[in-house]
Amino acid sequence: MQRLDLPEPIAAYFVADQHDGRAVARCFTPNGRVLDERATHSGTAAIEAWKDASSAKYTYVAHPRAVETLDRSYIVTSEVSGNFQGSPVDLRYIFILERGKIASLEIAA
């Protein structure tokens, strides 16, 4: 399998995603935001809580398979497998970076 050349903040996010909310929140700007499952989580405290709640609900692993850029966005297609209905599934992680951190992340099917 070919290794993707992900920007450092995005690569750090996928590593942190295997840990806890605090690790994930450190990848974001102070005013960063996540849009996931039709809910928006703004600020690092809310992002930490989102990740912790998600990890309590699901056990999963995301394997990035492709990355493309569109304007300011990096779109990473990942195969996500775990203990949820429909696993595995390809999800699109749409990142906007700012000063070496993630300013915005949208997770979509």
PDB file of N, CA and C in Angstrom:
ATOM      1  N   MET A   1       0.849  -1.187   0.000  1.00  0.00           N
ATOM      2  CA  MET A   1       0.000   0.000   0.000  1.00  0.00           C
ATOM      3  C   MET A   1       0.889   1.244   0.000  1.00  0.00           C
ATOM      4  N   GLN A   2       0.580   2.178  -0.864  1.00  0.00           N
ATOM      5  CA  GLN A   2       1.348   3.416  -0.976  1.00  0.00           C
ATOM      6  C   GLN A   2       1.059   4.341   0.204  1.00  0.00           C
ATOM      7  N   ARG A   3       2.106   4.946   0.727  1.00  0.00           N
ATOM      8  CA  ARG A   3       1.956   5.880   1.844  1.00  0.00           C
ATOM      9  C   ARG A   3       1.545   7.239   1.297  1.00  0.00           C
ATOM     10  N   LEU A   4       0.527   7.850   1.907  1.00  0.00           N
ATOM     11  CA  LEU A   4       0.059   9.165   1.474  1.00  0.00           C
ATOM     12  C   LEU A   4       0.961  10.250   2.026  1.00  0.00           C
ATOM     13  N   ASP A   5       1.122  11.304   1.253  1.00  0.00           N
ATOM     14  CA  ASP A   5       1.878  12.463   1.699  1.00  0.00           C
ATOM     15  C   ASP A   5       0.882  13.479   2.261  1.00  0.00           C
ATOM     16  N   LEU A   6       0.474  13.260   3.517  1.00  0.00           N
ATOM     17  CA  LEU A   6      -0.492  14.140   4.169  1.00  0.00           C
ATOM     18  C   LEU A   6       0.233  15.315   4.805  1.00  0.00           C
ATOM     19  N   PRO A   7      -0.358  16.511   4.769  1.00  0.00           N
ATOM     20  CA  PRO A   7       0.208  17.625   5.529  1.00  0.00           C
ATOM     21  C   PRO A   7       0.324  17.237   7.002  1.00  0.00           C
ATOM     22  N   GLU A   8       1.354  17.729   7.671  1.00  0.00           N
ATOM     23  CA  GLU A   8       1.645  17.321   9.054  1.00  0.00           C
ATOM     24  C   GLU A   8       0.447  17.433   9.991  1.00  0.00           C
ATOM     25  N   PRO A   9      -0.334  18.532   9.984  1.00  0.00           N
ATOM     26  CA  PRO A   9      -1.471  18.600  10.916  1.00  0.00           C
ATOM     27  C   PRO A   9      -2.520  17.510  10.668  1.00  0.00           C
ATOM     28  N   ILE A  10      -2.673  17.119   9.416  1.00  0.00           N
ATOM     29  CA  ILE A  10      -3.652  16.077   9.081  1.00  0.00           C
ATOM     30  C   ILE A  10      -3.118  14.705   9.487  1.00  0.00           C
ATOM     31  N   ALA A  11      -1.850  14.448   9.217  1.00  0.00           N
ATOM     32  CA  ALA A  11      -1.239  13.194   9.657  1.00  0.00           C
ATOM     33  C   ALA A  11      -1.318  13.084  11.172  1.00  0.00           C
ATOM     34  N   ALA A  12      -1.049  14.183  11.872  1.00  0.00           N
ATOM     35  CA  ALA A  12      -1.121  14.189  13.339  1.00  0.00           C
ATOM     36  C   ALA A  12      -2.541  13.895  13.813  1.00  0.00           C
ATOM     37  N   TYR A  13      -3.547  14.410  13.107  1.00  0.00           N
ATOM     38  CA  TYR A  13      -4.938  14.152  13.478  1.00  0.00           C
ATOM     39  C   TYR A  13      -5.233  12.644  13.433  1.00  0.00           C
ATOM     40  N   PHE A  14      -4.837  11.970  12.354  1.00  0.00           N
ATOM     41  CA  PHE A  14      -5.157  10.544  12.232  1.00  0.00           C
ATOM     42  C   PHE A  14      -4.425   9.704  13.277  1.00  0.00           C
ATOM     43  N   VAL A  15      -3.241  10.134  13.702  1.00  0.00           N
ATOM     44  CA  VAL A  15      -2.554   9.454  14.802  1.00  0.00           C
ATOM     45  C   VAL A  15      -3.301   9.721  16.110  1.00  0.00           C
ATOM     46  N   ALA A  16      -3.629  10.991  16.366  1.00  0.00           N
ATOM     47  CA  ALA A  16      -4.329  11.367  17.607  1.00  0.00           C
ATOM     48  C   ALA A  16      -5.698  10.706  17.703  1.00  0.00           C
ATOM     49  N   ASP A  17      -6.339  10.483  16.568  1.00  0.00           N
ATOM     50  CA  ASP A  17      -7.678   9.894  16.543  1.00  0.00           C
ATOM     51  C   ASP A  17      -7.691   8.494  17.155  1.00  0.00           C
ATOM     52  N   GLN A  18      -6.544   7.854  17.224  1.00  0.00           N
ATOM     53  CA  GLN A  18      -6.457   6.531  17.840  1.00  0.00           C
ATOM     54  C   GLN A  18      -6.237   6.618  19.351  1.00  0.00           C
ATOM     55  N   HIS A  19      -6.210   7.828  19.875  1.00  0.00           N
ATOM     56  CA  HIS A  19      -5.974   8.026  21.301  1.00  0.00           C
ATOM     57  C   HIS A  19      -7.214   8.603  21.964  1.00  0.00           C
ATOM     58  N   ASP A  20      -7.145   9.828  22.435  1.00  0.00           N
ATOM     59  CA  ASP A  20      -8.265  10.383  23.183  1.00  0.00           C
ATOM     60  C   ASP A  20      -8.597  11.796  22.715  1.00  0.00           C
ATOM     61  N   GLY A  21      -9.618  12.349  23.347  1.00  0.00           N
ATOM     62  CA  GLY A  21     -10.093  13.675  22.977  1.00  0.00           C
ATOM     63  C   GLY A  21      -9.052  14.758  23.143  1.00  0.00           C
ATOM     64  N   ARG A  22      -8.259  14.660  24.177  1.00  0.00           N
ATOM     65  CA  ARG A  22      -7.229  15.678  24.407  1.00  0.00           C
ATOM     66  C   ARG A  22      -6.213  15.675  23.263  1.00  0.00           C
ATOM     67  N   ALA A  23      -5.790  14.491  22.825  1.00  0.00           N
ATOM     68  CA  ALA A  23      -4.830  14.391  21.722  1.00  0.00           C
ATOM     69  C   ALA A  23      -5.418  14.971  20.442  1.00  0.00           C
ATOM     70  N   VAL A  24      -6.674  14.676  20.169  1.00  0.00           N
ATOM     71  CA  VAL A  24      -7.329  15.206  18.969  1.00  0.00           C
ATOM     72  C   VAL A  24      -7.465  16.720  19.068  1.00  0.00           C
ATOM     73  N   ALA A  25      -7.911  17.231  20.199  1.00  0.00           N
ATOM     74  CA  ALA A  25      -8.122  18.672  20.359  1.00  0.00           C
ATOM     75  C   ALA A  25      -6.833  19.459  20.145  1.00  0.00           C
ATOM     76  N   ARG A  26      -5.690  18.888  20.512  1.00  0.00           N
ATOM     77  CA  ARG A  26      -4.408  19.574  20.320  1.00  0.00           C
ATOM     78  C   ARG A  26      -4.078  19.797  18.848  1.00  0.00           C
ATOM     79  N   CYS A  27      -4.730  19.092  17.950  1.00  0.00           N
ATOM     80  CA  CYS A  27      -4.484  19.248  16.514  1.00  0.00           C
ATOM     81  C   CYS A  27      -5.186  20.482  15.942  1.00  0.00           C
ATOM     82  N   PHE A  28      -6.090  21.103  16.718  1.00  0.00           N
ATOM     83  CA  PHE A  28      -6.941  22.180  16.219  1.00  0.00           C
ATOM     84  C   PHE A  28      -6.510  23.549  16.731  1.00  0.00           C
ATOM     85  N   THR A  29      -6.888  24.573  15.971  1.00  0.00           N
ATOM     86  CA  THR A  29      -6.725  25.942  16.441  1.00  0.00           C
ATOM     87  C   THR A  29      -7.666  26.151  17.633  1.00  0.00           C
ATOM     88  N   PRO A  30      -7.430  27.184  18.460  1.00  0.00           N
ATOM     89  CA  PRO A  30      -8.317  27.420  19.613  1.00  0.00           C
ATOM     90  C   PRO A  30      -9.788  27.570  19.226  1.00  0.00           C
ATOM     91  N   ASN A  31     -10.047  28.120  18.045  1.00  0.00           N
ATOM     92  CA  ASN A  31     -11.426  28.298  17.581  1.00  0.00           C
ATOM     93  C   ASN A  31     -11.809  27.272  16.522  1.00  0.00           C
ATOM     94  N   GLY A  32     -11.081  26.157  16.474  1.00  0.00           N
ATOM     95  CA  GLY A  32     -11.351  25.131  15.471  1.00  0.00           C
ATOM     96  C   GLY A  32     -12.762  24.575  15.608  1.00  0.00           C
ATOM     97  N   ARG A  33     -13.189  23.930  14.512  1.00  0.00           N
ATOM     98  CA  ARG A  33     -14.539  23.368  14.556  1.00  0.00           C
ATOM     99  C   ARG A  33     -14.573  22.045  13.813  1.00  0.00           C
ATOM    100  N   VAL A  34     -15.476  21.174  14.276  1.00  0.00           N
ATOM    101  CA  VAL A  34     -15.716  19.869  13.654  1.00  0.00           C
ATOM    102  C   VAL A  34     -17.194  19.772  13.339  1.00  0.00           C
ATOM    103  N   LEU A  35     -17.501  19.350  12.123  1.00  0.00           N
ATOM    104  CA  LEU A  35     -18.874  19.040  11.733  1.00  0.00           C
ATOM    105  C   LEU A  35     -18.922  17.538  11.484  1.00  0.00           C
ATOM    106  N   ASP A  36     -19.691  16.827  12.317  1.00  0.00           N
ATOM    107  CA  ASP A  36     -19.796  15.374  12.226  1.00  0.00           C
ATOM    108  C   ASP A  36     -21.203  14.962  12.634  1.00  0.00           C
ATOM    109  N   GLU A  37     -21.795  14.070  11.866  1.00  0.00           N
ATOM    110  CA  GLU A  37     -23.144  13.575  12.135  1.00  0.00           C
ATOM    111  C   GLU A  37     -24.129  14.722  12.353  1.00  0.00           C
ATOM    112  N   ARG A  38     -24.057  15.722  11.497  1.00  0.00           N
ATOM    113  CA  ARG A  38     -24.962  16.891  11.471  1.00  0.00           C
ATOM    114  C   ARG A  38     -24.884  17.747  12.733  1.00  0.00           C
ATOM    115  N   ALA A  39     -23.792  17.640  13.487  1.00  0.00           N
ATOM    116  CA  ALA A  39     -23.590  18.480  14.672  1.00  0.00           C
ATOM    117  C   ALA A  39     -22.244  19.192  14.541  1.00  0.00           C
ATOM    118  N   THR A  40     -22.203  20.445  14.993  1.00  0.00           N
ATOM    119  CA  THR A  40     -20.979  21.234  14.956  1.00  0.00           C
ATOM    120  C   THR A  40     -20.416  21.366  16.366  1.00  0.00           C
ATOM    121  N   HIS A  41     -19.119  21.174  16.485  1.00  0.00           N
ATOM    122  CA  HIS A  41     -18.408  21.249  17.762  1.00  0.00           C
ATOM    123  C   HIS A  41     -17.323  22.309  17.593  1.00  0.00           C
ATOM    124  N   SER A  42     -17.449  23.431  18.307  1.00  0.00           N
ATOM    125  CA  SER A  42     -16.541  24.566  18.136  1.00  0.00           C
ATOM    126  C   SER A  42     -15.689  24.786  19.380  1.00  0.00           C
ATOM    127  N   GLY A  43     -14.389  24.974  19.158  1.00  0.00           N
ATOM    128  CA  GLY A  43     -13.444  25.194  20.244  1.00  0.00           C
ATOM    129  C   GLY A  43     -12.850  23.881  20.720  1.00  0.00           C
ATOM    130  N   THR A  44     -11.652  23.965  21.286  1.00  0.00           N
ATOM    131  CA  THR A  44     -10.948  22.736  21.655  1.00  0.00           C
ATOM    132  C   THR A  44     -11.651  21.937  22.751  1.00  0.00           C
ATOM    133  N   ALA A  45     -12.308  22.595  23.691  1.00  0.00           N
ATOM    134  CA  ALA A  45     -13.024  21.848  24.741  1.00  0.00           C
ATOM    135  C   ALA A  45     -14.167  21.042  24.132  1.00  0.00           C
ATOM    136  N   ALA A  46     -14.905  21.644  23.213  1.00  0.00           N
ATOM    137  CA  ALA A  46     -16.015  20.936  22.558  1.00  0.00           C
ATOM    138  C   ALA A  46     -15.497  19.814  21.661  1.00  0.00           C
ATOM    139  N   ILE A  47     -14.366  20.042  21.010  1.00  0.00           N
ATOM    140  CA  ILE A  47     -13.785  19.003  20.155  1.00  0.00           C
ATOM    141  C   ILE A  47     -13.309  17.829  21.011  1.00  0.00           C
ATOM    142  N   GLU A  48     -12.691  18.118  22.134  1.00  0.00           N
ATOM    143  CA  GLU A  48     -12.263  17.056  23.052  1.00  0.00           C
ATOM    144  C   GLU A  48     -13.467  16.239  23.526  1.00  0.00           C
ATOM    145  N   ALA A  49     -14.547  16.910  23.897  1.00  0.00           N
ATOM    146  CA  ALA A  49     -15.759  16.223  24.361  1.00  0.00           C
ATOM    147  C   ALA A  49     -16.373  15.391  23.237  1.00  0.00           C
ATOM    148  N   TRP A  50     -16.383  15.936  22.014  1.00  0.00           N
ATOM    149  CA  TRP A  50     -16.912  15.202  20.851  1.00  0.00           C
ATOM    150  C   TRP A  50     -16.141  13.910  20.638  1.00  0.00           C
ATOM    151  N   LYS A  51     -14.821  13.997  20.643  1.00  0.00           N
ATOM    152  CA  LYS A  51     -13.997  12.810  20.420  1.00  0.00           C
ATOM    153  C   LYS A  51     -14.190  11.788  21.535  1.00  0.00           C
ATOM    154  N   ASP A  52     -14.213  12.249  22.782  1.00  0.00           N
ATOM    155  CA  ASP A  52     -14.405  11.319  23.896  1.00  0.00           C
ATOM    156  C   ASP A  52     -15.764  10.625  23.810  1.00  0.00           C
ATOM    157  N   ALA A  53     -16.815  11.364  23.455  1.00  0.00           N
ATOM    158  CA  ALA A  53     -18.149  10.772  23.318  1.00  0.00           C
ATOM    159  C   ALA A  53     -18.188   9.788  22.150  1.00  0.00           C
ATOM    160  N   SER A  54     -17.550  10.152  21.046  1.00  0.00           N
ATOM    161  CA  SER A  54     -17.504   9.281  19.876  1.00  0.00           C
ATOM    162  C   SER A  54     -16.771   7.979  20.198  1.00  0.00           C
ATOM    163  N   SER A  55     -15.664   8.092  20.930  1.00  0.00           N
ATOM    164  CA  SER A  55     -14.890   6.903  21.296  1.00  0.00           C
ATOM    165  C   SER A  55     -15.637   6.019  22.284  1.00  0.00           C
ATOM    166  N   ALA A  56     -16.480   6.613  23.127  1.00  0.00           N
ATOM    167  CA  ALA A  56     -17.283   5.825  24.057  1.00  0.00           C
ATOM    168  C   ALA A  56     -18.378   5.057  23.311  1.00  0.00           C
ATOM    169  N   LYS A  57     -18.845   5.631  22.210  1.00  0.00           N
ATOM    170  CA  LYS A  57     -19.934   5.039  21.439  1.00  0.00           C
ATOM    171  C   LYS A  57     -19.436   4.013  20.421  1.00  0.00           C
ATOM    172  N   TYR A  58     -18.302   4.298  19.788  1.00  0.00           N
ATOM    173  CA  TYR A  58     -17.782   3.455  18.710  1.00  0.00           C
ATOM    174  C   TYR A  58     -16.309   3.135  18.936  1.00  0.00           C
ATOM    175  N   THR A  59     -15.922   1.947  18.510  1.00  0.00           N
ATOM    176  CA  THR A  59     -14.517   1.597  18.369  1.00  0.00           C
ATOM    177  C   THR A  59     -14.267   1.514  16.871  1.00  0.00           C
ATOM    178  N   TYR A  60     -13.302   2.270  16.386  1.00  0.00           N
ATOM    179  CA  TYR A  60     -13.090   2.322  14.940  1.00  0.00           C
ATOM    180  C   TYR A  60     -11.631   2.662  14.631  1.00  0.00           C
ATOM    181  N   VAL A  61     -11.265   2.398  13.383  1.00  0.00           N
ATOM    182  CA  VAL A  61      -9.953   2.756  12.860  1.00  0.00           C
ATOM    183  C   VAL A  61     -10.181   3.380  11.490  1.00  0.00           C
ATOM    184  N   ALA A  62      -9.529   4.513  11.249  1.00  0.00           N
ATOM    185  CA  ALA A  62      -9.603   5.190   9.948  1.00  0.00           C
ATOM    186  C   ALA A  62      -8.273   5.008   9.225  1.00  0.00           C
ATOM    187  N   HIS A  63      -8.342   4.522   7.996  1.00  0.00           N
ATOM    188  CA  HIS A  63      -7.151   4.325   7.159  1.00  0.00           C
ATOM    189  C   HIS A  63      -7.235   5.266   5.966  1.00  0.00           C
ATOM    190  N   PRO A  64      -6.510   6.393   5.990  1.00  0.00           N
ATOM    191  CA  PRO A  64      -6.522   7.308   4.842  1.00  0.00           C
ATOM    192  C   PRO A  64      -6.022   6.595   3.587  1.00  0.00           C
ATOM    193  N   ARG A  65      -6.771   6.753   2.486  1.00  0.00           N
ATOM    194  CA  ARG A  65      -6.410   6.083   1.241  1.00  0.00           C
ATOM    195  C   ARG A  65      -6.118   7.042   0.099  1.00  0.00           C
ATOM    196  N   ALA A  66      -6.654   8.265   0.157  1.00  0.00           N
ATOM    197  CA  ALA A  66      -6.435   9.224  -0.927  1.00  0.00           C
ATOM    198  C   ALA A  66      -6.554  10.631  -0.363  1.00  0.00           C
ATOM    199  N   VAL A  67      -5.830  11.552  -0.979  1.00  0.00           N
ATOM    200  CA  VAL A  67      -5.926  12.953  -0.582  1.00  0.00           C
ATOM    201  C   VAL A  67      -5.930  13.808  -1.846  1.00  0.00           C
ATOM    202  N   GLU A  68      -6.766  14.833  -1.826  1.00  0.00           N
ATOM    203  CA  GLU A  68      -6.797  15.800  -2.922  1.00  0.00           C
ATOM    204  C   GLU A  68      -6.994  17.187  -2.320  1.00  0.00           C
ATOM    205  N   THR A  69      -6.619  18.187  -3.079  1.00  0.00           N
ATOM    206  CA  THR A  69      -6.816  19.558  -2.618  1.00  0.00           C
ATOM    207  C   THR A  69      -7.828  20.243  -3.516  1.00  0.00           C
ATOM    208  N   LEU A  70      -8.616  21.110  -2.903  1.00  0.00           N
ATOM    209  CA  LEU A  70      -9.608  21.895  -3.620  1.00  0.00           C
ATOM    210  C   LEU A  70      -9.667  23.249  -2.925  1.00  0.00           C
ATOM    211  N   ASP A  71      -9.190  24.284  -3.614  1.00  0.00           N
ATOM    212  CA  ASP A  71      -9.066  25.611  -3.018  1.00  0.00           C
ATOM    213  C   ASP A  71      -8.227  25.491  -1.746  1.00  0.00           C
ATOM    214  N   ARG A  72      -8.779  25.845  -0.608  1.00  0.00           N
ATOM    215  CA  ARG A  72      -8.054  25.778   0.671  1.00  0.00           C
ATOM    216  C   ARG A  72      -8.261  24.454   1.400  1.00  0.00           C
ATOM    217  N   SER A  73      -9.058  23.567   0.837  1.00  0.00           N
ATOM    218  CA  SER A  73      -9.424  22.324   1.521  1.00  0.00           C
ATOM    219  C   SER A  73      -8.550  21.152   1.100  1.00  0.00           C
ATOM    220  N   TYR A  74      -8.290  20.293   2.069  1.00  0.00           N
ATOM    221  CA  TYR A  74      -7.678  18.991   1.815  1.00  0.00           C
ATOM    222  C   TYR A  74      -8.770  17.964   2.069  1.00  0.00           C
ATOM    223  N   ILE A  75      -9.041  17.138   1.071  1.00  0.00           N
ATOM    224  CA  ILE A  75     -10.088  16.124   1.185  1.00  0.00           C
ATOM    225  C   ILE A  75      -9.406  14.766   1.257  1.00  0.00           C
ATOM    226  N   VAL A  76      -9.553  14.115   2.404  1.00  0.00           N
ATOM    227  CA  VAL A  76      -8.927  12.818   2.636  1.00  0.00           C
ATOM    228  C   VAL A  76     -10.024  11.764   2.662  1.00  0.00           C
ATOM    229  N   THR A  77      -9.933  10.817   1.753  1.00  0.00           N
ATOM    230  CA  THR A  77     -10.860   9.691   1.749  1.00  0.00           C
ATOM    231  C   THR A  77     -10.230   8.580   2.585  1.00  0.00           C
ATOM    232  N   SER A  78     -10.993   8.104   3.573  1.00  0.00           N
ATOM    233  CA  SER A  78     -10.500   7.087   4.493  1.00  0.00           C
ATOM    234  C   SER A  78     -11.484   5.934   4.579  1.00  0.00           C
ATOM    235  N   GLU A  79     -10.938   4.744   4.657  1.00  0.00           N
ATOM    236  CA  GLU A  79     -11.765   3.591   4.970  1.00  0.00           C
ATOM    237  C   GLU A  79     -11.851   3.516   6.489  1.00  0.00           C
ATOM    238  N   VAL A  80     -13.078   3.547   7.001  1.00  0.00           N
ATOM    239  CA  VAL A  80     -13.304   3.514   8.441  1.00  0.00           C
ATOM    240  C   VAL A  80     -14.009   2.199   8.758  1.00  0.00           C
ATOM    241  N   SER A  81     -13.389   1.434   9.657  1.00  0.00           N
ATOM    242  CA  SER A  81     -13.988   0.167  10.052  1.00  0.00           C
ATOM    243  C   SER A  81     -14.071   0.117  11.567  1.00  0.00           C
ATOM    244  N   GLY A  82     -15.127  -0.535  12.044  1.00  0.00           N
ATOM    245  CA  GLY A  82     -15.306  -0.626  13.488  1.00  0.00           C
ATOM    246  C   GLY A  82     -16.617  -1.288  13.849  1.00  0.00           C
ATOM    247  N   ASN A  83     -17.093  -1.002  15.056  1.00  0.00           N
ATOM    248  CA  ASN A  83     -18.294  -1.639  15.583  1.00  0.00           C
ATOM    249  C   ASN A  83     -19.537  -0.783  15.351  1.00  0.00           C
ATOM    250  N   PHE A  84     -19.736  -0.377  14.117  1.00  0.00           N
ATOM    251  CA  PHE A  84     -20.923   0.395  13.765  1.00  0.00           C
ATOM    252  C   PHE A  84     -21.560  -0.237  12.534  1.00  0.00           C
ATOM    253  N   GLN A  85     -22.836  -0.015  12.382  1.00  0.00           N
ATOM    254  CA  GLN A  85     -23.576  -0.600  11.268  1.00  0.00           C
ATOM    255  C   GLN A  85     -23.031  -0.064   9.944  1.00  0.00           C
ATOM    256  N   GLY A  86     -22.827  -0.960   8.995  1.00  0.00           N
ATOM    257  CA  GLY A  86     -22.340  -0.585   7.677  1.00  0.00           C
ATOM    258  C   GLY A  86     -20.831  -0.637   7.550  1.00  0.00           C
ATOM    259  N   SER A  87     -20.135  -1.022   8.609  1.00  0.00           N
ATOM    260  CA  SER A  87     -18.669  -1.078   8.587  1.00  0.00           C
ATOM    261  C   SER A  87     -18.198  -2.162   7.628  1.00  0.00           C
ATOM    262  N   PRO A  88     -17.149  -1.898   6.867  1.00  0.00           N
ATOM    263  CA  PRO A  88     -16.410  -0.641   6.741  1.00  0.00           C
ATOM    264  C   PRO A  88     -17.112   0.315   5.781  1.00  0.00           C
ATOM    265  N   VAL A  89     -16.752   1.585   5.889  1.00  0.00           N
ATOM    266  CA  VAL A  89     -17.334   2.612   5.044  1.00  0.00           C
ATOM    267  C   VAL A  89     -16.238   3.601   4.657  1.00  0.00           C
ATOM    268  N   ASP A  90     -16.360   4.176   3.468  1.00  0.00           N
ATOM    269  CA  ASP A  90     -15.449   5.246   3.064  1.00  0.00           C
ATOM    270  C   ASP A  90     -16.040   6.575   3.503  1.00  0.00           C
ATOM    271  N   LEU A  91     -15.275   7.348   4.247  1.00  0.00           N
ATOM    272  CA  LEU A  91     -15.698   8.674   4.677  1.00  0.00           C
ATOM    273  C   LEU A  91     -14.725   9.707   4.117  1.00  0.00           C
ATOM    274  N   ARG A  92     -15.260  10.897   3.875  1.00  0.00           N
ATOM    275  CA  ARG A  92     -14.435  12.015   3.426  1.00  0.00           C
ATOM    276  C   ARG A  92     -14.202  12.938   4.617  1.00  0.00           C
ATOM    277  N   TYR A  93     -12.954  13.224   4.884  1.00  0.00           N
ATOM    278  CA  TYR A  93     -12.542  14.156   5.931  1.00  0.00           C
ATOM    279  C   TYR A  93     -12.075  15.416   5.204  1.00  0.00           C
ATOM    280  N   ILE A  94     -12.804  16.497   5.371  1.00  0.00           N
ATOM    281  CA  ILE A  94     -12.497  17.738   4.664  1.00  0.00           C
ATOM    282  C   ILE A  94     -11.868  18.708   5.664  1.00  0.00           C
ATOM    283  N   PHE A  95     -10.577  18.947   5.488  1.00  0.00           N
ATOM    284  CA  PHE A  95      -9.794  19.763   6.412  1.00  0.00           C
ATOM    285  C   PHE A  95      -9.504  21.131   5.818  1.00  0.00           C
ATOM    286  N   ILE A  96      -9.535  22.157   6.655  1.00  0.00           N
ATOM    287  CA  ILE A  96      -8.983  23.463   6.331  1.00  0.00           C
ATOM    288  C   ILE A  96      -7.940  23.754   7.400  1.00  0.00           C
ATOM    289  N   LEU A  97      -6.736  24.083   6.951  1.00  0.00           N
ATOM    290  CA  LEU A  97      -5.617  24.316   7.864  1.00  0.00           C
ATOM    291  C   LEU A  97      -5.361  25.807   8.023  1.00  0.00           C
ATOM    292  N   GLU A  98      -4.811  26.133   9.181  1.00  0.00           N
ATOM    293  CA  GLU A  98      -4.474  27.526   9.480  1.00  0.00           C
ATOM    294  C   GLU A  98      -3.280  27.538  10.431  1.00  0.00           C
ATOM    295  N   ARG A  99      -2.191  28.134  10.005  1.00  0.00           N
ATOM    296  CA  ARG A  99      -0.985  28.274  10.849  1.00  0.00           C
ATOM    297  C   ARG A  99      -0.539  26.952  11.498  1.00  0.00           C
ATOM    298  N   GLY A 100      -0.499  25.892  10.721  1.00  0.00           N
ATOM    299  CA  GLY A 100       0.003  24.628  11.227  1.00  0.00           C
ATOM    300  C   GLY A 100      -0.955  23.826  12.074  1.00  0.00           C
ATOM    301  N   LYS A 101      -2.206  24.223  12.111  1.00  0.00           N
ATOM    302  CA  LYS A 101      -3.235  23.503  12.886  1.00  0.00           C
ATOM    303  C   LYS A 101      -4.466  23.316  11.997  1.00  0.00           C
ATOM    304  N   ILE A 102      -5.410  22.535  12.490  1.00  0.00           N
ATOM    305  CA  ILE A 102      -6.679  22.345  11.788  1.00  0.00           C
ATOM    306  C   ILE A 102      -7.645  23.417  12.251  1.00  0.00           C
ATOM    307  N   ALA A 103      -8.157  24.199  11.310  1.00  0.00           N
ATOM    308  CA  ALA A 103      -9.161  25.224  11.627  1.00  0.00           C
ATOM    309  C   ALA A 103     -10.564  24.647  11.494  1.00  0.00           C
ATOM    310  N   SER A 104     -10.724  23.691  10.573  1.00  0.00           N
ATOM    311  CA  SER A 104     -12.051  23.131  10.328  1.00  0.00           C
ATOM    312  C   SER A 104     -11.909  21.698   9.813  1.00  0.00           C
ATOM    313  N   LEU A 105     -12.818  20.855  10.278  1.00  0.00           N
ATOM    314  CA  LEU A 105     -12.909  19.466   9.815  1.00  0.00           C
ATOM    315  C   LEU A 105     -14.378  19.122   9.643  1.00  0.00           C
ATOM    316  N   GLU A 106     -14.705  18.650   8.456  1.00  0.00           N
ATOM    317  CA  GLU A 106     -16.051  18.121   8.190  1.00  0.00           C
ATOM    318  C   GLU A 106     -15.891  16.660   7.818  1.00  0.00           C
ATOM    319  N   ILE A 107     -16.658  15.802   8.469  1.00  0.00           N
ATOM    320  CA  ILE A 107     -16.626  14.371   8.185  1.00  0.00           C
ATOM    321  C   ILE A 107     -17.937  14.007   7.495  1.00  0.00           C
ATOM    322  N   ALA A 108     -17.838  13.458   6.274  1.00  0.00           N
ATOM    323  CA  ALA A 108     -19.034  13.192   5.478  1.00  0.00           C
ATOM    324  C   ALA A 108     -18.913  11.838   4.778  1.00  0.00           C
ATOM    325  N   ALA A 109     -20.070  11.258   4.485  1.00  0.00           N
ATOM    326  CA  ALA A 109     -20.112   9.992   3.752  1.00  0.00           C
ATOM    327  C   ALA A 109     -19.873  10.237   2.276  1.00  0.00           C
TER     328      ALA A 109
END
